[in-house]
C-alpha cells in the first residue's frame, strides 16, 4: 500500500513508518520538525526511516491547507495515519492556541485531503486523556467522555467527533486510537521516563506528581505500533446494530470505530520509578508534589474490543520495556 503518515519524525510515527516500509509498503512521511522538543532527536529518528527504500519525506505543517492538499493530490495515498499533533497535557495549559492550530485546524485539513482523494481508511491518534473526569475503571470506548480536563484532551475528543462527521457525511472509513502512556526507545524527552532517566543520571531530583500515587497503563512502543498496523489493515464497517436511542460511542451507523490501545495493567508510579532505579543502578532523589492541573490520578484501558475484533492485546511488561529504554538511552547519549 501507499500510506501517508503524519508526525513521521515523532516517537510513534517514525517507528510505525519503519514497520510499514519493512513489510513493503510505500510511506509518505509528513513532519514539520518543530522545536517543541529536541529537533536533533527527531532528525536522528528520520535517519533510521530513510534507510528503508520507498520513503518520501515531506516538510509540512498540518495548518498549511494548500500544502496538505497538494501532498494528497500529488501522492494519492491509499491509507492515512495521522499521528502529528501538539502533544502534552501540561503544555496545553500554558499554550492552548497551539492545540487549536495543529490538533483542530490541522486535522480538518487531513480529513479534507482524505475526502477529496479517495482514501480508503484514515487512522488517527486519540488519547487516554479523553476520559478526563471519568472514574469507572477500566476506561471503555463505549463510555461517555464529555468531561475532558485539559484542552489537549478536548482537542482529541474533538478529533473523534470531526472524524465521525466525515464518516457519516462522506462515508470515509475512520478509526480513532486512544493511546495509553506510550514509552520506550526513541521516546519523547517531555515524557516522565525520559525526564526521570536524565535527572537520575545527573544526580538531580525528579518531580513526582500526586505524591507518587498515580497509576498509569504504561504501553510499550512496539505494542502500540503493532496495534496501529492491525487497525490500519482492517477497514471499519457500519455497525448494523447501532441505535440512536441508545448510542454506542465506539461504533456508528457510519464506517467509524474507536479502540483503546493500552497494556490493560496499570502500574503504580512508584513501582515504575523503582524499576527504572534498578535498571540504572541508582536511587532517585524524589521531590513529591501535588496533582497537576489537567492531570488524572489513574488510567486503565479496557482492550476487550481490540482482543475480540483484532485478536491483539499489548503484553510487554514495564520491567522489560524500561530495560530496553535504558539500554537505548545509554547508547544514544553515551552515558
Protein backbone atom coordinates (compact mmCIF):
# COMPACT_ATOMS: atom_id res chain seq x y z
CA UNK A 1 0.00 0.00 0.00
CA UNK A 2 0.89 3.66 -0.18
CA UNK A 3 0.43 5.10 3.31
CA UNK A 4 0.69 8.74 4.35
CA UNK A 5 1.97 9.05 7.93
CA UNK A 6 1.88 12.44 9.64
CA UNK A 7 4.28 13.02 12.52
CA UNK A 8 6.80 10.78 10.77
CA UNK A 9 9.73 12.21 12.78
CA UNK A 10 7.86 11.57 16.02
CA UNK A 11 8.22 8.76 18.53
CA UNK A 12 5.30 6.66 17.29
CA UNK A 13 5.35 7.92 13.70
CA UNK A 14 8.97 7.02 12.96
CA UNK A 15 8.58 3.55 14.47
CA UNK A 16 5.38 2.96 12.51
CA UNK A 17 6.97 4.19 9.27
CA UNK A 18 9.83 1.70 9.63
CA UNK A 19 7.43 -1.18 10.26
CA UNK A 20 5.36 -0.29 7.20
CA UNK A 21 8.43 0.12 5.00
CA UNK A 22 9.89 -3.17 6.26
CA UNK A 23 6.79 -5.04 5.10
CA UNK A 24 6.93 -3.44 1.66
CA UNK A 25 4.54 -0.51 1.88
CA UNK A 26 5.44 2.88 0.44
CA UNK A 27 5.32 5.66 3.05
CA UNK A 28 4.85 9.39 2.54
CA UNK A 29 6.08 10.98 5.77
CA UNK A 30 4.83 14.41 6.80
CA UNK A 31 6.50 16.34 9.62
CA UNK A 32 7.39 19.98 10.32
CA UNK A 33 10.28 19.18 12.73
CA UNK A 34 9.03 21.79 15.19
CA UNK A 35 11.07 22.60 18.29
CA UNK A 36 8.57 21.51 20.97
CA UNK A 37 11.41 19.18 21.96
CA UNK A 38 14.94 18.36 20.74
CA UNK A 39 14.94 18.59 16.93
CA UNK A 40 18.18 16.58 16.68
CA UNK A 41 16.36 13.57 18.16
CA UNK A 42 13.66 13.91 15.50
CA UNK A 43 16.32 14.12 12.80
CA UNK A 44 18.03 11.00 14.17
CA UNK A 45 14.73 9.12 14.03
CA UNK A 46 14.26 10.21 10.43
CA UNK A 47 17.73 8.94 9.51
CA UNK A 48 16.60 5.48 10.61
CA UNK A 49 13.45 5.75 8.50
CA UNK A 50 15.32 6.95 5.41
CA UNK A 51 17.46 3.82 5.50
CA UNK A 52 14.49 1.95 4.00
CA UNK A 53 13.55 2.17 0.32
CA UNK A 54 10.11 3.51 -0.50
CA UNK A 55 10.11 6.52 1.84
CA UNK A 56 9.14 10.04 0.73
CA UNK A 57 9.97 12.81 3.21
CA UNK A 58 7.82 15.97 3.26
CA UNK A 59 8.40 19.06 5.45
CA UNK A 60 4.88 20.40 6.06
CA UNK A 61 2.73 21.94 8.78
CA UNK A 62 -0.72 20.44 9.10
CA UNK A 63 -2.01 24.02 9.32
CA UNK A 64 -0.78 24.63 5.75
CA UNK A 65 -4.04 24.00 3.93
CA UNK A 66 -2.60 24.35 0.44
CA UNK A 67 0.48 22.29 1.22
CA UNK A 68 -1.52 19.41 2.68
CA UNK A 69 -3.99 19.48 -0.23
CA UNK A 70 -1.10 19.40 -2.72
CA UNK A 71 0.58 16.49 -0.90
CA UNK A 72 -2.61 14.42 -1.10
CA UNK A 73 -3.19 15.31 -4.75
CA UNK A 74 0.38 14.50 -5.78
CA UNK A 75 0.99 11.32 -3.80
CA UNK A 76 -2.55 9.84 -3.71
CA UNK A 77 -2.14 7.72 -0.57
CA UNK A 78 -4.48 4.76 -0.20
CA UNK A 79 -4.48 4.97 3.59
CA UNK A 80 -3.53 7.63 6.11
CA UNK A 81 -2.29 7.51 9.71
CA UNK A 82 -2.50 10.89 11.44
CA UNK A 83 -0.09 10.97 14.38
CA UNK A 84 1.02 14.61 14.11
CA UNK A 85 -0.30 16.73 16.96
CA UNK A 86 0.68 19.27 19.52
CA UNK A 87 1.21 16.91 22.44
CA UNK A 88 1.32 17.32 26.20
CA UNK A 89 -1.31 17.95 28.84
CA UNK A 90 0.66 20.49 30.87
CA UNK A 91 1.84 22.44 27.82
CA UNK A 92 -1.79 22.82 26.74
CA UNK A 93 -2.47 24.79 29.91
CA UNK A 94 0.30 27.26 29.04
CA UNK A 95 -0.20 27.43 25.26
CA UNK A 96 -3.78 26.45 24.39
CA UNK A 97 -3.85 28.05 20.95
CA UNK A 98 -1.06 25.77 19.71
CA UNK A 99 -3.53 22.90 20.14
CA UNK A 100 -6.25 24.68 18.19
CA UNK A 101 -3.90 25.29 15.25
CA UNK A 102 -2.48 21.78 14.93
CA UNK A 103 -4.99 19.44 16.53
CA UNK A 104 -8.17 21.07 15.21
CA UNK A 105 -7.35 23.11 12.09
CA UNK A 106 -4.61 20.71 11.01
CA UNK A 107 -6.81 17.66 11.50
CA UNK A 108 -9.55 19.28 9.41
CA UNK A 109 -7.03 19.59 6.56
CA UNK A 110 -6.23 15.88 6.87
CA UNK A 111 -9.93 15.00 6.75
CA UNK A 112 -10.38 17.14 3.66
CA UNK A 113 -7.39 15.53 1.98
CA UNK A 114 -8.84 12.09 2.65
CA UNK A 115 -12.30 13.12 1.47
CA UNK A 116 -11.18 14.56 -1.86
CA UNK A 117 -8.63 11.90 -2.79
CA UNK A 118 -10.39 8.60 -2.31
CA UNK A 119 -8.53 7.50 0.81
CA UNK A 120 -9.66 4.01 1.84
CA UNK A 121 -9.09 4.38 5.58
CA UNK A 122 -7.99 7.14 7.98
CA UNK A 123 -6.49 6.02 11.27
CA UNK A 124 -5.78 8.80 13.76
CA UNK A 125 -4.29 9.15 17.21
CA UNK A 126 -6.65 10.00 20.02
CA UNK A 127 -5.58 9.72 23.66
CA UNK A 128 -6.46 8.19 27.01
CA UNK A 129 -6.74 11.79 28.24
CA UNK A 130 -10.21 12.00 26.66
CA UNK A 131 -11.54 10.03 29.64
CA UNK A 132 -10.94 13.13 31.77
CA UNK A 133 -13.14 13.13 34.86
CA UNK A 134 -14.30 9.52 34.30
CA UNK A 135 -13.53 7.34 37.32
CA UNK A 136 -15.07 3.99 36.36
CA UNK A 137 -12.22 1.59 35.64
CA UNK A 138 -11.14 0.22 33.26
CA UNK A 139 -11.84 3.01 30.77
CA UNK A 140 -14.10 1.72 28.00
CA UNK A 141 -14.51 3.17 24.50
CA UNK A 142 -18.23 2.57 24.96
CA UNK A 143 -18.42 5.06 27.85
CA UNK A 144 -19.32 8.73 27.52
CA UNK A 145 -16.28 11.05 27.54
CA UNK A 146 -17.79 14.53 27.71
CA UNK A 147 -15.70 15.88 30.61
CA UNK A 148 -12.09 16.46 29.46
CA UNK A 149 -9.73 18.12 31.94
CA UNK A 150 -7.33 19.84 29.52
CA UNK A 151 -7.52 21.46 26.11
CA UNK A 152 -5.25 18.71 24.80
CA UNK A 153 -7.88 16.16 25.85
CA UNK A 154 -10.67 18.30 24.42
CA UNK A 155 -8.83 18.57 21.09
CA UNK A 156 -8.53 14.79 20.90
CA UNK A 157 -12.22 14.31 21.69
CA UNK A 158 -12.94 16.91 19.01
CA UNK A 159 -10.90 14.85 16.52
CA UNK A 160 -13.14 11.86 17.23
CA UNK A 161 -16.26 13.98 16.63
CA UNK A 162 -14.83 15.52 13.44
CA UNK A 163 -13.89 12.07 12.12
CA UNK A 164 -17.37 10.76 12.81
CA UNK A 165 -18.88 13.63 10.84
CA UNK A 166 -16.75 12.76 7.80
CA UNK A 167 -17.55 9.06 8.19
CA UNK A 168 -21.26 9.91 8.26
CA UNK A 169 -21.39 12.56 5.53
CA UNK A 170 -18.79 11.26 3.09
CA UNK A 171 -18.59 7.55 4.08
CA UNK A 172 -14.90 7.98 4.84
CA UNK A 173 -13.84 4.99 6.98
CA UNK A 174 -12.12 6.32 10.11
CA UNK A 175 -10.66 4.66 13.19
CA UNK A 176 -9.53 6.54 16.30
CA UNK A 177 -6.96 5.04 18.65
CA UNK A 178 -6.83 6.09 22.28
CA UNK A 179 -3.20 5.55 23.25
CA UNK A 180 -2.27 4.97 26.89
CA UNK A 181 1.08 6.43 28.12
CA UNK A 182 3.45 5.27 25.40
CA UNK A 183 7.10 4.72 26.33
CA UNK A 184 10.24 3.02 25.03
CA UNK A 185 13.42 3.64 22.99
CA UNK A 186 13.49 6.81 20.88
CA UNK A 187 10.77 8.26 23.11
CA UNK A 188 9.76 11.83 23.83
CA UNK A 189 12.01 13.92 26.10
CA UNK A 190 8.95 15.62 27.66
CA UNK A 191 7.63 12.30 28.99
CA UNK A 192 8.25 11.06 32.53
CA UNK A 193 10.56 8.13 31.74
CA UNK A 194 12.92 10.30 29.67
CA UNK A 195 12.93 13.10 32.27
CA UNK A 196 13.42 10.72 35.18
CA UNK A 197 16.31 8.94 33.47
CA UNK A 198 18.09 12.19 32.62
CA UNK A 199 17.68 13.57 36.15
CA UNK A 200 18.73 10.37 37.96
CA UNK A 201 21.90 10.05 35.86
CA UNK A 202 22.68 13.73 36.59
CA UNK A 203 22.08 13.24 40.34
CA UNK A 204 19.20 15.71 40.19
CA UNK A 205 15.82 15.29 41.93
CA UNK A 206 12.85 14.02 39.92
CA UNK A 207 9.44 15.66 40.21
CA UNK A 208 6.89 13.07 41.34
CA UNK A 209 3.39 14.47 40.99
CA UNK A 210 0.38 13.41 43.06
CA UNK A 211 2.96 12.27 45.65
CA UNK A 212 3.62 9.18 43.52
CA UNK A 213 0.06 7.87 43.84
CA UNK A 214 -0.55 7.86 40.09
CA UNK A 215 -1.36 4.63 38.32
CA UNK A 216 -0.71 4.54 34.61
CA UNK A 217 -1.39 1.96 31.90
CA UNK A 218 2.15 2.26 30.50
CA UNK A 219 2.22 0.84 26.96
CA UNK A 220 5.42 -0.12 25.15
CA UNK A 221 6.08 1.46 21.75
CA UNK A 222 6.23 -1.82 19.79
CA UNK A 223 2.86 -2.86 21.23
CA UNK A 224 1.35 0.46 20.16
CA UNK A 225 2.70 0.16 16.62
CA UNK A 226 1.51 -3.44 16.27
CA UNK A 227 -1.96 -2.26 17.25
CA UNK A 228 -1.87 0.61 14.76
CA UNK A 229 -0.90 -1.72 11.90
CA UNK A 230 -3.63 -4.23 12.72
CA UNK A 231 -6.20 -1.46 12.80
CA UNK A 232 -4.87 0.11 9.58
CA UNK A 233 -5.36 -3.21 7.78
CA UNK A 234 -8.97 -3.55 8.96
CA UNK A 235 -11.29 -1.01 7.35
CA UNK A 236 -14.24 -0.31 9.67
CA UNK A 237 -17.80 -1.11 8.63
CA UNK A 238 -21.02 0.46 9.86
CA UNK A 239 -22.46 -1.27 12.93
CA UNK A 240 -25.85 -2.66 11.82
CA UNK A 241 -26.97 -2.87 15.46
CA UNK A 242 -26.22 0.78 16.23
CA UNK A 243 -29.24 2.50 17.74
CA UNK A 244 -29.70 6.25 18.15
CA UNK A 245 -31.97 5.65 21.16
CA UNK A 246 -29.03 4.09 22.99
CA UNK A 247 -25.97 5.33 21.06
CA UNK A 248 -22.71 3.41 21.38
CA UNK A 249 -19.79 5.87 21.50
CA UNK A 250 -17.31 3.44 19.91
CA UNK A 251 -19.26 2.49 16.78
CA UNK A 252 -21.77 4.07 14.42
CA UNK A 253 -24.18 3.56 11.56
CA UNK A 254 -21.25 5.12 9.62
CA UNK A 255 -17.90 3.37 8.93
CA UNK A 256 -16.40 4.62 12.20
CA UNK A 257 -14.58 2.90 15.08
CA UNK A 258 -12.72 3.68 18.29
CA UNK A 259 -10.26 1.45 20.17
CA UNK A 260 -8.14 1.71 23.29
CA UNK A 261 -4.54 0.60 22.91
CA UNK A 262 -3.15 0.11 26.40
CA UNK A 263 -1.34 -2.53 28.39
CA UNK A 264 -4.50 -3.34 30.39
CA UNK A 265 -2.36 -3.48 33.54
CA UNK A 266 -2.00 -0.21 35.50
CA UNK A 267 1.30 0.28 37.30
CA UNK A 268 1.91 2.44 40.35
CA UNK A 269 4.21 5.35 39.50
CA UNK A 270 6.45 4.49 42.46
CA UNK A 271 6.90 0.95 41.11
CA UNK A 272 7.72 2.38 37.69
CA UNK A 273 10.42 4.51 39.32
CA UNK A 274 11.74 1.53 41.29
CA UNK A 275 12.13 -0.48 38.08
CA UNK A 276 13.96 2.44 36.48
CA UNK A 277 16.26 2.76 39.51
CA UNK A 278 17.08 -0.94 39.22
CA UNK A 279 17.92 -0.63 35.52
CA UNK A 280 20.10 2.44 36.12
CA UNK A 281 21.70 1.08 39.28
CA UNK A 282 20.97 4.36 41.06
CA UNK A 283 18.47 5.72 43.54
CA UNK A 284 16.30 8.70 42.61
CA UNK A 285 16.01 11.82 44.71
CA UNK A 286 12.24 12.41 44.77
CA UNK A 287 10.53 15.79 45.04
CA UNK A 288 6.96 14.83 45.94
CA UNK A 289 4.42 17.30 44.53
CA UNK A 290 0.62 17.59 44.36
CA UNK A 291 -1.55 16.56 41.43
CA UNK A 292 -1.06 18.92 38.49
CA UNK A 293 -3.89 20.83 36.84
CA UNK A 294 -5.33 18.88 33.92
CA UNK A 295 -3.87 15.57 35.09
CA UNK A 296 -5.79 12.47 36.20
CA UNK A 297 -4.82 10.11 39.04
CA UNK A 298 -5.27 6.81 37.17
CA UNK A 299 -5.56 5.37 33.67
CA UNK A 300 -6.58 1.81 32.84
CA UNK A 301 -7.52 0.60 29.36
CA UNK A 302 -10.32 -1.81 28.61
CA UNK A 303 -8.99 -3.53 25.48
CA UNK A 304 -11.75 -6.12 25.09
CA UNK A 305 -12.71 -4.83 21.62
CA UNK A 306 -9.08 -4.92 20.47
CA UNK A 307 -8.82 -8.54 21.59
CA UNK A 308 -12.19 -9.62 20.17
CA UNK A 309 -12.02 -7.86 16.82
CA UNK A 310 -8.27 -7.76 16.08
CA UNK A 311 -7.03 -10.70 18.14
CA UNK A 312 -4.46 -8.48 19.78
CA UNK A 313 -3.51 -7.41 23.29
CA UNK A 314 -0.38 -5.44 24.29
CA UNK A 315 1.74 -7.54 26.62
CA UNK A 316 5.21 -6.00 27.20
CA UNK A 317 5.87 -5.60 30.94
CA UNK A 318 7.30 -2.37 32.33
CA UNK A 319 10.31 -4.36 33.56
CA UNK A 320 11.13 -5.42 30.01
CA UNK A 321 10.17 -2.10 28.40
CA UNK A 322 12.13 0.11 30.80
CA UNK A 323 15.22 -2.10 30.48
CA UNK A 324 15.09 -1.66 26.69
CA UNK A 325 14.67 2.09 27.07
CA UNK A 326 17.62 2.43 29.46
CA UNK A 327 19.84 0.38 27.13
CA UNK A 328 18.88 2.66 24.24
CA UNK A 329 19.32 5.85 26.29
CA UNK A 330 22.79 4.91 27.48
CA UNK A 331 23.85 4.01 23.96
CA UNK A 332 22.32 7.08 22.28
CA UNK A 333 23.65 9.60 24.82
CA UNK A 334 26.84 7.74 25.69
CA UNK A 335 26.17 7.69 29.45
